[in-house]
Amino acid sequence: MDSAAPPAPREPGAAEPPARPRPRLVFRTQLAHGSPTGRIEGFTNVRELYAKIAEAFGIAPTEILFCTLNSHKVDMQKLLGGQIGLEDFIFAHVRGETKEVEVTKTEDALGLTITDNGAGYAFIKRIKEGSIINRIEAVCVGDSIEAINDHSIVGCRHYEVAKMLRELPKSQPFTLRLVQPRRAFDMIGQRSRSSKCPVEAKVSSGKETLRLRSGAPATVEEAPSDVEEAAARRVDDLLESYMGIRDPELAAAVVETARSSAGAQAFARGLDAVLGEFAFPDEFVVEVWAAVGEARDACG
C-alpha cells in the first residue's frame, strides 16, 4: 500500500493558515437581590466584566460593588477574584442604602479587613470579633467604604484604605460613609427555594478557569494545584496580618513570583519588580517565602 504523500511545502510569502478560533465563553449572571438571568461574554478583566453585567441589566457599572460566585449571599468566601470557573454563576451585588457612622479609635487596630473589587471600590471583608468595629452594629461585612471624614476614597486600592485607617489618631472620633449592598426582602431571612433566582447555583466541577488580568487578555487555564491553593491561602492570611487586607488574586500573584524565584533574595527582587507598589515589609517577604515552602512540603 502506498504511503500518503507529505503535505506540500508552503511557498515563501504564502499566507499563514487561519488560527483556530478561540472558544466562545458565555457566563450566566444575575443581580444578587433578584433579577432575570443574563448572559455575558467577551470580557478580559474585572472592569470589563462589570461593564458587561451593567449592560445586561441596564444599570451603570459604578452601581456594582462586588460579585460573588455561585451564591447570591454576601459571602466573602465566594467573592469573585481573578479566576472564574467556566461553569460558575456570577451574582452582582449593587449599591443599596448609604449610611454614616462615627467611630472613636480607642485601640491601634479597628478590627477591619479590607479588600477591593478591582474597579474602584474598597469594602469590608472581615470584622474581628470583639473589635472596635464589631461593637458598631450598623457596620457590616460587604459594606463599601465610600469616604473617611468626608474625604472620598473611591478609586483607592484596599491597601491604601487600610493604611489611611491605621494612620488615624487614637481617641479622636472620625466618620465613615458606607454603602451597603442592596438586599431583597427575602434576603433578610433564607431565600425561598421557589424563587426564580437560584439560591445556590451549582458549583463547577471542571478544572478549567478563566483567568482575568488587568494588563493582559484573559486566558483559560487549569485550576490551581493543591500546593498553589494552600500557599495562596497562607499568603492571604499574611496579607491580613501585616497589611489589613485580603486579596486572593494578589496572594496568587505572590505565590507565582515565589515559584519562579531561585531563592529568597531573588523572590524579594521579583516582588519589588512586579508588585513594588505594595511596599511589602521585609518580615512579610521572609514569612511568605517560608509559607510557600511549607505548603509545598505539606502537599508532597
C-alpha atoms as a PDB file:
ATOM      1  CA  MET A   1       0.000   0.000   0.000  1.00  0.00           C
ATOM      2  CA  ASP A   2       1.365   3.369  -0.945  1.00  0.00           C
ATOM      3  CA  SER A   3       2.012   5.749   1.966  1.00  0.00           C
ATOM      4  CA  ALA A   4       0.239   9.106   1.996  1.00  0.00           C
ATOM      5  CA  ALA A   5       2.156  11.899   0.336  1.00  0.00           C
ATOM      6  CA  PRO A   6       3.592  14.513   2.716  1.00  0.00           C
ATOM      7  CA  PRO A   7       1.895  17.928   2.657  1.00  0.00           C
ATOM      8  CA  ALA A   8       3.312  20.251   0.028  1.00  0.00           C
ATOM      9  CA  PRO A   9       5.643  22.883   1.479  1.00  0.00           C
ATOM     10  CA  ARG A  10       4.168  26.390   1.763  1.00  0.00           C
ATOM     11  CA  GLU A  11       5.655  28.737  -0.780  1.00  0.00           C
ATOM     12  CA  PRO A  12       7.555  31.787   0.503  1.00  0.00           C
ATOM     13  CA  GLY A  13       5.199  34.689   1.094  1.00  0.00           C
ATOM     14  CA  ALA A  14       2.126  32.487   1.295  1.00  0.00           C
ATOM     15  CA  ALA A  15      -0.459  33.433   3.922  1.00  0.00           C
ATOM     16  CA  GLU A  16      -0.394  31.637   7.260  1.00  0.00           C
ATOM     17  CA  PRO A  17      -3.220  29.145   7.781  1.00  0.00           C
ATOM     18  CA  PRO A  18      -6.085  30.665   9.789  1.00  0.00           C
ATOM     19  CA  ALA A  19      -5.711  30.361  13.563  1.00  0.00           C
ATOM     20  CA  ARG A  20      -8.085  28.072  15.401  1.00  0.00           C
ATOM     21  CA  PRO A  21     -10.984  30.160  16.713  1.00  0.00           C
ATOM     22  CA  ARG A  22     -10.978  30.772  20.455  1.00  0.00           C
ATOM     23  CA  PRO A  23     -13.810  29.021  22.275  1.00  0.00           C
ATOM     24  CA  ARG A  24     -16.816  31.210  22.966  1.00  0.00           C
ATOM     25  CA  LEU A  25     -17.179  31.577  26.715  1.00  0.00           C
ATOM     26  CA  VAL A  26     -20.625  32.645  27.899  1.00  0.00           C
ATOM     27  CA  PHE A  27     -21.355  33.130  31.597  1.00  0.00           C
ATOM     28  CA  ARG A  28     -24.717  33.345  33.354  1.00  0.00           C
ATOM     29  CA  THR A  29     -25.323  36.246  35.717  1.00  0.00           C
ATOM     30  CA  GLN A  30     -27.989  37.757  37.951  1.00  0.00           C
ATOM     31  CA  LEU A  31     -28.291  40.718  40.283  1.00  0.00           C
ATOM     32  CA  ALA A  32     -27.906  39.321  43.795  1.00  0.00           C
ATOM     33  CA  HIS A  33     -31.080  40.966  45.126  1.00  0.00           C
ATOM     34  CA  GLY A  34     -33.096  39.293  42.359  1.00  0.00           C
ATOM     35  CA  SER A  35     -33.370  39.618  38.579  1.00  0.00           C
ATOM     36  CA  PRO A  36     -33.830  37.581  35.406  1.00  0.00           C
ATOM     37  CA  THR A  37     -30.777  35.643  34.244  1.00  0.00           C
ATOM     38  CA  GLY A  38     -28.477  37.449  31.840  1.00  0.00           C
ATOM     39  CA  ARG A  39     -25.655  36.080  29.708  1.00  0.00           C
ATOM     40  CA  ILE A  40     -22.351  37.847  29.223  1.00  0.00           C
ATOM     41  CA  GLU A  41     -19.180  37.237  27.226  1.00  0.00           C
ATOM     42  CA  GLY A  42     -16.186  38.987  25.715  1.00  0.00           C
ATOM     43  CA  PHE A  43     -14.556  40.490  28.832  1.00  0.00           C
ATOM     44  CA  THR A  44     -10.868  40.262  29.754  1.00  0.00           C
ATOM     45  CA  ASN A  45     -10.681  41.966  33.171  1.00  0.00           C
ATOM     46  CA  VAL A  46     -12.892  42.901  36.102  1.00  0.00           C
ATOM     47  CA  ARG A  47     -13.790  46.374  34.819  1.00  0.00           C
ATOM     48  CA  GLU A  48     -14.940  44.910  31.507  1.00  0.00           C
ATOM     49  CA  LEU A  49     -16.850  42.202  33.376  1.00  0.00           C
ATOM     50  CA  TYR A  50     -18.723  44.850  35.376  1.00  0.00           C
ATOM     51  CA  ALA A  51     -19.462  46.768  32.187  1.00  0.00           C
ATOM     52  CA  LYS A  52     -20.922  43.638  30.569  1.00  0.00           C
ATOM     53  CA  ILE A  53     -23.083  42.893  33.617  1.00  0.00           C
ATOM     54  CA  ALA A  54     -24.256  46.515  33.748  1.00  0.00           C
ATOM     55  CA  GLU A  55     -25.143  46.408  30.050  1.00  0.00           C
ATOM     56  CA  ALA A  56     -27.122  43.180  30.538  1.00  0.00           C
ATOM     57  CA  PHE A  57     -29.286  44.760  33.247  1.00  0.00           C
ATOM     58  CA  GLY A  58     -29.425  48.383  32.083  1.00  0.00           C
ATOM     59  CA  ILE A  59     -27.508  49.862  35.025  1.00  0.00           C
ATOM     60  CA  ALA A  60     -24.289  51.858  35.367  1.00  0.00           C
ATOM     61  CA  PRO A  61     -21.093  49.842  36.014  1.00  0.00           C
ATOM     62  CA  THR A  62     -20.453  52.032  39.069  1.00  0.00           C
ATOM     63  CA  GLU A  63     -23.607  50.595  40.665  1.00  0.00           C
ATOM     64  CA  ILE A  64     -21.831  47.238  41.136  1.00  0.00           C
ATOM     65  CA  LEU A  65     -19.988  46.916  44.458  1.00  0.00           C
ATOM     66  CA  PHE A  66     -18.682  43.367  44.022  1.00  0.00           C
ATOM     67  CA  CYS A  67     -19.610  39.942  42.662  1.00  0.00           C
ATOM     68  CA  THR A  68     -19.892  36.507  44.236  1.00  0.00           C
ATOM     69  CA  LEU A  69     -19.732  33.147  42.509  1.00  0.00           C
ATOM     70  CA  ASN A  70     -22.487  30.531  42.824  1.00  0.00           C
ATOM     71  CA  SER A  71     -24.224  32.308  45.713  1.00  0.00           C
ATOM     72  CA  HIS A  72     -26.456  35.383  45.927  1.00  0.00           C
ATOM     73  CA  LYS A  73     -25.423  35.921  49.563  1.00  0.00           C
ATOM     74  CA  VAL A  74     -22.877  38.410  50.861  1.00  0.00           C
ATOM     75  CA  ASP A  75     -20.437  35.554  51.333  1.00  0.00           C
ATOM     76  CA  MET A  76     -16.797  36.619  51.333  1.00  0.00           C
ATOM     77  CA  GLN A  77     -15.721  33.008  50.760  1.00  0.00           C
ATOM     78  CA  LYS A  78     -17.479  33.135  47.366  1.00  0.00           C
ATOM     79  CA  LEU A  79     -16.085  36.525  46.347  1.00  0.00           C
ATOM     80  CA  LEU A  80     -15.095  36.853  42.687  1.00  0.00           C
ATOM     81  CA  GLY A  81     -11.361  37.375  42.345  1.00  0.00           C
ATOM     82  CA  GLY A  82      -9.160  36.915  39.320  1.00  0.00           C
ATOM     83  CA  GLN A  83     -10.455  33.478  38.320  1.00  0.00           C
ATOM     84  CA  ILE A  84     -13.887  32.271  37.253  1.00  0.00           C
ATOM     85  CA  GLY A  85     -14.748  28.608  36.741  1.00  0.00           C
ATOM     86  CA  LEU A  86     -16.147  28.025  33.274  1.00  0.00           C
ATOM     87  CA  GLU A  87     -19.467  26.860  34.779  1.00  0.00           C
ATOM     88  CA  ASP A  88     -19.629  29.463  37.568  1.00  0.00           C
ATOM     89  CA  PHE A  89     -22.759  31.584  38.011  1.00  0.00           C
ATOM     90  CA  ILE A  90     -21.970  35.272  38.682  1.00  0.00           C
ATOM     91  CA  PHE A  91     -24.072  37.297  41.130  1.00  0.00           C
ATOM     92  CA  ALA A  92     -23.602  41.090  41.097  1.00  0.00           C
ATOM     93  CA  HIS A  93     -24.198  42.976  44.350  1.00  0.00           C
ATOM     94  CA  VAL A  94     -25.255  46.566  43.641  1.00  0.00           C
ATOM     95  CA  ARG A  95     -25.383  49.760  45.697  1.00  0.00           C
ATOM     96  CA  GLY A  96     -28.039  49.910  48.381  1.00  0.00           C
ATOM     97  CA  GLU A  97     -28.511  52.382  51.213  1.00  0.00           C
ATOM     98  CA  THR A  98     -25.822  54.859  52.278  1.00  0.00           C
ATOM     99  CA  LYS A  99     -25.091  55.246  55.984  1.00  0.00           C
ATOM    100  CA  GLU A 100     -22.667  57.199  58.131  1.00  0.00           C
ATOM    101  CA  VAL A 101     -21.170  56.020  61.407  1.00  0.00           C
ATOM    102  CA  GLU A 102     -18.959  57.815  63.901  1.00  0.00           C
ATOM    103  CA  VAL A 103     -16.063  55.796  65.272  1.00  0.00           C
ATOM    104  CA  THR A 104     -13.625  56.580  68.071  1.00  0.00           C
ATOM    105  CA  LYS A 105     -10.323  54.781  67.699  1.00  0.00           C
ATOM    106  CA  THR A 106      -9.589  53.605  71.248  1.00  0.00           C
ATOM    107  CA  GLU A 107      -7.097  50.943  70.112  1.00  0.00           C
ATOM    108  CA  ASP A 108      -4.413  50.748  67.421  1.00  0.00           C
ATOM    109  CA  ALA A 109      -6.473  48.316  65.335  1.00  0.00           C
ATOM    110  CA  LEU A 110     -10.087  48.868  64.340  1.00  0.00           C
ATOM    111  CA  GLY A 111     -10.678  45.184  63.607  1.00  0.00           C
ATOM    112  CA  LEU A 112     -11.416  45.633  59.889  1.00  0.00           C
ATOM    113  CA  THR A 113     -10.041  43.644  56.994  1.00  0.00           C
ATOM    114  CA  ILE A 114     -10.341  45.479  53.671  1.00  0.00           C
ATOM    115  CA  THR A 115     -10.474  44.177  50.123  1.00  0.00           C
ATOM    116  CA  ASP A 116     -11.499  45.810  46.844  1.00  0.00           C
ATOM    117  CA  ASN A 117     -13.428  44.915  43.723  1.00  0.00           C
ATOM    118  CA  GLY A 118     -10.670  45.748  41.241  1.00  0.00           C
ATOM    119  CA  ALA A 119     -12.783  48.566  39.812  1.00  0.00           C
ATOM    120  CA  GLY A 120     -12.528  51.383  42.352  1.00  0.00           C
ATOM    121  CA  TYR A 121     -14.482  50.271  45.430  1.00  0.00           C
ATOM    122  CA  ALA A 122     -12.900  49.111  48.691  1.00  0.00           C
ATOM    123  CA  PHE A 123     -15.143  47.212  51.072  1.00  0.00           C
ATOM    124  CA  ILE A 124     -15.164  45.316  54.345  1.00  0.00           C
ATOM    125  CA  LYS A 125     -14.304  41.651  54.006  1.00  0.00           C
ATOM    126  CA  ARG A 126     -13.989  40.698  57.656  1.00  0.00           C
ATOM    127  CA  ILE A 127     -14.752  42.175  61.084  1.00  0.00           C
ATOM    128  CA  LYS A 128     -12.771  40.830  64.032  1.00  0.00           C
ATOM    129  CA  GLU A 129     -14.899  39.653  66.930  1.00  0.00           C
ATOM    130  CA  GLY A 130     -14.658  41.909  69.975  1.00  0.00           C
ATOM    131  CA  SER A 131     -13.035  44.741  67.995  1.00  0.00           C
ATOM    132  CA  ILE A 132     -13.994  48.424  67.884  1.00  0.00           C
ATOM    133  CA  ILE A 133     -15.911  47.963  64.628  1.00  0.00           C
ATOM    134  CA  ASN A 134     -17.577  44.778  65.870  1.00  0.00           C
ATOM    135  CA  ARG A 135     -19.258  46.863  68.590  1.00  0.00           C
ATOM    136  CA  ILE A 136     -20.893  49.124  65.980  1.00  0.00           C
ATOM    137  CA  GLU A 137     -23.954  47.199  64.770  1.00  0.00           C
ATOM    138  CA  ALA A 138     -24.501  49.415  61.715  1.00  0.00           C
ATOM    139  CA  VAL A 139     -21.203  48.303  60.131  1.00  0.00           C
ATOM    140  CA  CYS A 140     -21.439  45.011  58.227  1.00  0.00           C
ATOM    141  CA  VAL A 141     -19.282  42.735  56.110  1.00  0.00           C
ATOM    142  CA  GLY A 142     -19.823  43.709  52.470  1.00  0.00           C
ATOM    143  CA  ASP A 143     -20.226  47.431  53.178  1.00  0.00           C
ATOM    144  CA  SER A 144     -18.282  49.591  50.728  1.00  0.00           C
ATOM    145  CA  ILE A 145     -16.228  52.386  52.309  1.00  0.00           C
ATOM    146  CA  GLU A 146     -17.042  55.497  50.285  1.00  0.00           C
ATOM    147  CA  ALA A 147     -15.456  58.189  52.422  1.00  0.00           C
ATOM    148  CA  ILE A 148     -13.402  58.758  55.589  1.00  0.00           C
ATOM    149  CA  ASN A 149     -14.165  62.088  57.284  1.00  0.00           C
ATOM    150  CA  ASP A 150     -15.928  63.244  54.069  1.00  0.00           C
ATOM    151  CA  HIS A 151     -12.765  62.503  52.052  1.00  0.00           C
ATOM    152  CA  SER A 152     -13.797  60.268  49.159  1.00  0.00           C
ATOM    153  CA  ILE A 153     -11.738  57.113  48.806  1.00  0.00           C
ATOM    154  CA  VAL A 154     -13.487  55.864  45.650  1.00  0.00           C
ATOM    155  CA  GLY A 155     -10.737  54.724  43.300  1.00  0.00           C
ATOM    156  CA  CYS A 156      -8.306  53.842  46.103  1.00  0.00           C
ATOM    157  CA  ARG A 157      -6.907  50.321  46.422  1.00  0.00           C
ATOM    158  CA  HIS A 158      -7.531  48.233  49.528  1.00  0.00           C
ATOM    159  CA  TYR A 159      -4.003  48.656  50.913  1.00  0.00           C
ATOM    160  CA  GLU A 160      -4.304  52.455  50.602  1.00  0.00           C
ATOM    161  CA  VAL A 161      -7.588  52.478  52.533  1.00  0.00           C
ATOM    162  CA  ALA A 162      -6.175  50.155  55.197  1.00  0.00           C
ATOM    163  CA  LYS A 163      -3.174  52.489  55.587  1.00  0.00           C
ATOM    164  CA  MET A 164      -5.446  55.533  55.960  1.00  0.00           C
ATOM    165  CA  LEU A 165      -7.407  53.788  58.719  1.00  0.00           C
ATOM    166  CA  ARG A 166      -4.232  52.672  60.529  1.00  0.00           C
ATOM    167  CA  GLU A 167      -2.879  56.211  60.493  1.00  0.00           C
ATOM    168  CA  LEU A 168      -5.985  57.816  62.051  1.00  0.00           C
ATOM    169  CA  PRO A 169      -5.112  59.224  65.505  1.00  0.00           C
ATOM    170  CA  LYS A 170      -6.338  57.448  68.609  1.00  0.00           C
ATOM    171  CA  SER A 171      -9.034  58.970  70.862  1.00  0.00           C
ATOM    172  CA  GLN A 172     -10.246  61.225  68.052  1.00  0.00           C
ATOM    173  CA  PRO A 173     -13.677  60.473  66.512  1.00  0.00           C
ATOM    174  CA  PHE A 174     -13.904  60.043  62.748  1.00  0.00           C
ATOM    175  CA  THR A 175     -16.732  59.369  60.319  1.00  0.00           C
ATOM    176  CA  LEU A 176     -17.117  56.513  57.855  1.00  0.00           C
ATOM    177  CA  ARG A 177     -19.557  56.831  54.967  1.00  0.00           C
ATOM    178  CA  LEU A 178     -20.590  53.337  53.930  1.00  0.00           C
ATOM    179  CA  VAL A 179     -22.729  51.884  51.139  1.00  0.00           C
ATOM    180  CA  GLN A 180     -24.346  48.543  51.869  1.00  0.00           C
ATOM    181  CA  PRO A 181     -25.231  46.041  49.128  1.00  0.00           C
ATOM    182  CA  ARG A 182     -28.851  46.182  48.058  1.00  0.00           C
ATOM    183  CA  ARG A 183     -30.904  43.425  49.595  1.00  0.00           C
ATOM    184  CA  ALA A 184     -34.232  41.965  48.554  1.00  0.00           C
ATOM    185  CA  PHE A 185     -36.876  41.403  51.209  1.00  0.00           C
ATOM    186  CA  ASP A 186     -36.424  37.656  51.046  1.00  0.00           C
ATOM    187  CA  MET A 187     -32.684  38.005  51.647  1.00  0.00           C
ATOM    188  CA  ILE A 188     -33.351  39.146  55.218  1.00  0.00           C
ATOM    189  CA  GLY A 189     -34.121  35.520  56.002  1.00  0.00           C
ATOM    190  CA  GLN A 190     -33.453  32.388  53.994  1.00  0.00           C
ATOM    191  CA  ARG A 191     -34.362  32.891  50.351  1.00  0.00           C
ATOM    192  CA  SER A 192     -37.147  30.599  49.175  1.00  0.00           C
ATOM    193  CA  ARG A 193     -36.255  27.610  47.030  1.00  0.00           C
ATOM    194  CA  SER A 194     -39.135  28.519  44.739  1.00  0.00           C
ATOM    195  CA  SER A 195     -37.538  31.859  43.851  1.00  0.00           C
ATOM    196  CA  LYS A 196     -36.822  32.432  40.175  1.00  0.00           C
ATOM    197  CA  CYS A 197     -33.286  33.310  41.209  1.00  0.00           C
ATOM    198  CA  PRO A 198     -31.431  30.141  42.224  1.00  0.00           C
ATOM    199  CA  VAL A 199     -30.435  30.100  45.872  1.00  0.00           C
ATOM    200  CA  GLU A 200     -27.161  28.335  45.252  1.00  0.00           C
ATOM    201  CA  ALA A 201     -26.126  27.810  41.668  1.00  0.00           C
ATOM    202  CA  LYS A 202     -24.319  24.558  41.009  1.00  0.00           C
ATOM    203  CA  VAL A 203     -20.607  24.932  41.569  1.00  0.00           C
ATOM    204  CA  SER A 204     -18.471  23.890  38.660  1.00  0.00           C
ATOM    205  CA  SER A 205     -16.745  20.541  38.926  1.00  0.00           C
ATOM    206  CA  GLY A 206     -14.476  21.315  35.995  1.00  0.00           C
ATOM    207  CA  LYS A 207     -10.772  22.027  36.343  1.00  0.00           C
ATOM    208  CA  GLU A 208     -10.506  24.969  33.968  1.00  0.00           C
ATOM    209  CA  THR A 209     -10.943  28.606  34.903  1.00  0.00           C
ATOM    210  CA  LEU A 210     -10.974  31.938  33.110  1.00  0.00           C
ATOM    211  CA  ARG A 211      -8.036  33.951  34.483  1.00  0.00           C
ATOM    212  CA  LEU A 212      -8.636  37.707  34.460  1.00  0.00           C
ATOM    213  CA  ARG A 213      -5.639  40.043  34.286  1.00  0.00           C
ATOM    214  CA  SER A 214      -5.555  43.816  34.441  1.00  0.00           C
ATOM    215  CA  GLY A 215      -2.811  44.278  31.846  1.00  0.00           C
ATOM    216  CA  ALA A 216      -3.257  41.292  29.533  1.00  0.00           C
ATOM    217  CA  PRO A 217      -6.001  39.305  27.805  1.00  0.00           C
ATOM    218  CA  ALA A 218      -7.972  36.777  29.844  1.00  0.00           C
ATOM    219  CA  THR A 219      -6.844  33.182  29.401  1.00  0.00           C
ATOM    220  CA  VAL A 220      -8.363  29.772  30.072  1.00  0.00           C
ATOM    221  CA  GLU A 221      -6.095  27.914  32.469  1.00  0.00           C
ATOM    222  CA  GLU A 222      -6.027  24.811  34.604  1.00  0.00           C
ATOM    223  CA  ALA A 223      -7.348  25.394  38.101  1.00  0.00           C
ATOM    224  CA  PRO A 224      -4.636  25.965  40.738  1.00  0.00           C
ATOM    225  CA  SER A 225      -2.999  22.850  42.179  1.00  0.00           C
ATOM    226  CA  ASP A 226      -3.400  21.843  45.826  1.00  0.00           C
ATOM    227  CA  VAL A 227       0.055  23.247  46.554  1.00  0.00           C
ATOM    228  CA  GLU A 228      -0.781  26.585  44.916  1.00  0.00           C
ATOM    229  CA  GLU A 229      -4.125  26.862  46.708  1.00  0.00           C
ATOM    230  CA  ALA A 230      -2.586  26.048  50.101  1.00  0.00           C
ATOM    231  CA  ALA A 231       0.218  28.553  49.566  1.00  0.00           C
ATOM    232  CA  ALA A 232      -2.179  31.264  48.367  1.00  0.00           C
ATOM    233  CA  ARG A 233      -4.417  30.794  51.430  1.00  0.00           C
ATOM    234  CA  ARG A 234      -1.416  31.174  53.716  1.00  0.00           C
ATOM    235  CA  VAL A 235      -0.217  34.281  51.844  1.00  0.00           C
ATOM    236  CA  ASP A 236      -3.726  35.775  52.059  1.00  0.00           C
ATOM    237  CA  ASP A 237      -3.609  35.237  55.844  1.00  0.00           C
ATOM    238  CA  LEU A 238      -0.252  37.025  55.950  1.00  0.00           C
ATOM    239  CA  LEU A 239      -1.629  39.933  53.899  1.00  0.00           C
ATOM    240  CA  GLU A 240      -4.365  40.327  56.501  1.00  0.00           C
ATOM    241  CA  SER A 241      -1.901  40.099  59.394  1.00  0.00           C
ATOM    242  CA  TYR A 242       0.642  42.570  58.018  1.00  0.00           C
ATOM    243  CA  MET A 243      -1.462  44.934  55.898  1.00  0.00           C
ATOM    244  CA  GLY A 244      -5.089  44.576  56.988  1.00  0.00           C
ATOM    245  CA  ILE A 245      -6.255  43.396  53.561  1.00  0.00           C
ATOM    246  CA  ARG A 246      -7.383  40.155  51.956  1.00  0.00           C
ATOM    247  CA  ASP A 247      -6.914  39.626  48.235  1.00  0.00           C
ATOM    248  CA  PRO A 248      -6.795  36.063  46.825  1.00  0.00           C
ATOM    249  CA  GLU A 249      -5.659  37.289  43.410  1.00  0.00           C
ATOM    250  CA  LEU A 250      -2.788  39.271  44.921  1.00  0.00           C
ATOM    251  CA  ALA A 251      -1.904  36.228  47.032  1.00  0.00           C
ATOM    252  CA  ALA A 252      -1.858  34.051  43.901  1.00  0.00           C
ATOM    253  CA  ALA A 253       0.422  36.573  42.144  1.00  0.00           C
ATOM    254  CA  VAL A 254       2.810  36.491  45.119  1.00  0.00           C
ATOM    255  CA  VAL A 255       2.866  32.678  45.003  1.00  0.00           C
ATOM    256  CA  GLU A 256       3.563  32.738  41.245  1.00  0.00           C
ATOM    257  CA  THR A 257       6.503  35.076  41.862  1.00  0.00           C
ATOM    258  CA  ALA A 258       7.828  32.758  44.586  1.00  0.00           C
ATOM    259  CA  ARG A 259       7.563  29.687  42.357  1.00  0.00           C
ATOM    260  CA  SER A 260       9.617  31.348  39.633  1.00  0.00           C
ATOM    261  CA  SER A 261      12.338  32.534  42.063  1.00  0.00           C
ATOM    262  CA  ALA A 262      15.530  30.591  42.757  1.00  0.00           C
ATOM    263  CA  GLY A 263      15.851  31.809  46.339  1.00  0.00           C
ATOM    264  CA  ALA A 264      14.607  34.265  48.959  1.00  0.00           C
ATOM    265  CA  GLN A 265      16.660  37.181  47.630  1.00  0.00           C
ATOM    266  CA  ALA A 266      15.501  36.575  44.062  1.00  0.00           C
ATOM    267  CA  PHE A 267      11.932  36.398  45.392  1.00  0.00           C
ATOM    268  CA  ALA A 268      12.312  39.762  47.157  1.00  0.00           C
ATOM    269  CA  ARG A 269      13.654  41.333  43.954  1.00  0.00           C
ATOM    270  CA  GLY A 270      10.821  39.778  41.957  1.00  0.00           C
ATOM    271  CA  LEU A 271       8.198  41.225  44.316  1.00  0.00           C
ATOM    272  CA  ASP A 272       9.761  44.682  44.023  1.00  0.00           C
ATOM    273  CA  ALA A 273       9.749  44.411  40.234  1.00  0.00           C
ATOM    274  CA  VAL A 274       6.201  43.079  39.828  1.00  0.00           C
ATOM    275  CA  LEU A 275       4.335  44.329  42.916  1.00  0.00           C
ATOM    276  CA  GLY A 276       6.504  47.182  44.168  1.00  0.00           C
ATOM    277  CA  GLU A 277       3.521  49.491  44.698  1.00  0.00           C
ATOM    278  CA  PHE A 278       2.501  47.455  47.762  1.00  0.00           C
ATOM    279  CA  ALA A 279       5.814  48.134  49.579  1.00  0.00           C
ATOM    280  CA  PHE A 280       5.734  44.780  51.375  1.00  0.00           C
ATOM    281  CA  PRO A 281       7.628  44.778  54.714  1.00  0.00           C
ATOM    282  CA  ASP A 282      10.796  42.663  54.826  1.00  0.00           C
ATOM    283  CA  GLU A 283       9.270  40.442  57.528  1.00  0.00           C
ATOM    284  CA  PHE A 284       6.309  39.733  55.269  1.00  0.00           C
ATOM    285  CA  VAL A 285       8.600  38.667  52.401  1.00  0.00           C
ATOM    286  CA  VAL A 286      10.525  36.293  54.681  1.00  0.00           C
ATOM    287  CA  GLU A 287       7.317  34.731  56.046  1.00  0.00           C
ATOM    288  CA  VAL A 288       5.807  34.342  52.577  1.00  0.00           C
ATOM    289  CA  TRP A 289       8.912  32.563  51.259  1.00  0.00           C
ATOM    290  CA  ALA A 290       8.762  30.170  54.210  1.00  0.00           C
ATOM    291  CA  ALA A 291       4.993  29.672  53.821  1.00  0.00           C
ATOM    292  CA  VAL A 292       5.287  28.724  50.147  1.00  0.00           C
ATOM    293  CA  GLY A 293       7.939  26.160  51.026  1.00  0.00           C
ATOM    294  CA  GLU A 294       5.822  24.752  53.870  1.00  0.00           C
ATOM    295  CA  ALA A 295       2.798  24.416  51.607  1.00  0.00           C
ATOM    296  CA  ARG A 296       4.901  22.586  49.020  1.00  0.00           C
ATOM    297  CA  ASP A 297       6.237  20.177  51.687  1.00  0.00           C
ATOM    298  CA  ALA A 298       2.791  19.600  53.237  1.00  0.00           C
ATOM    299  CA  CYS A 299       1.251  18.681  49.889  1.00  0.00           C
ATOM    300  CA  GLY A 300       4.106  16.366  48.964  1.00  0.00           C
END
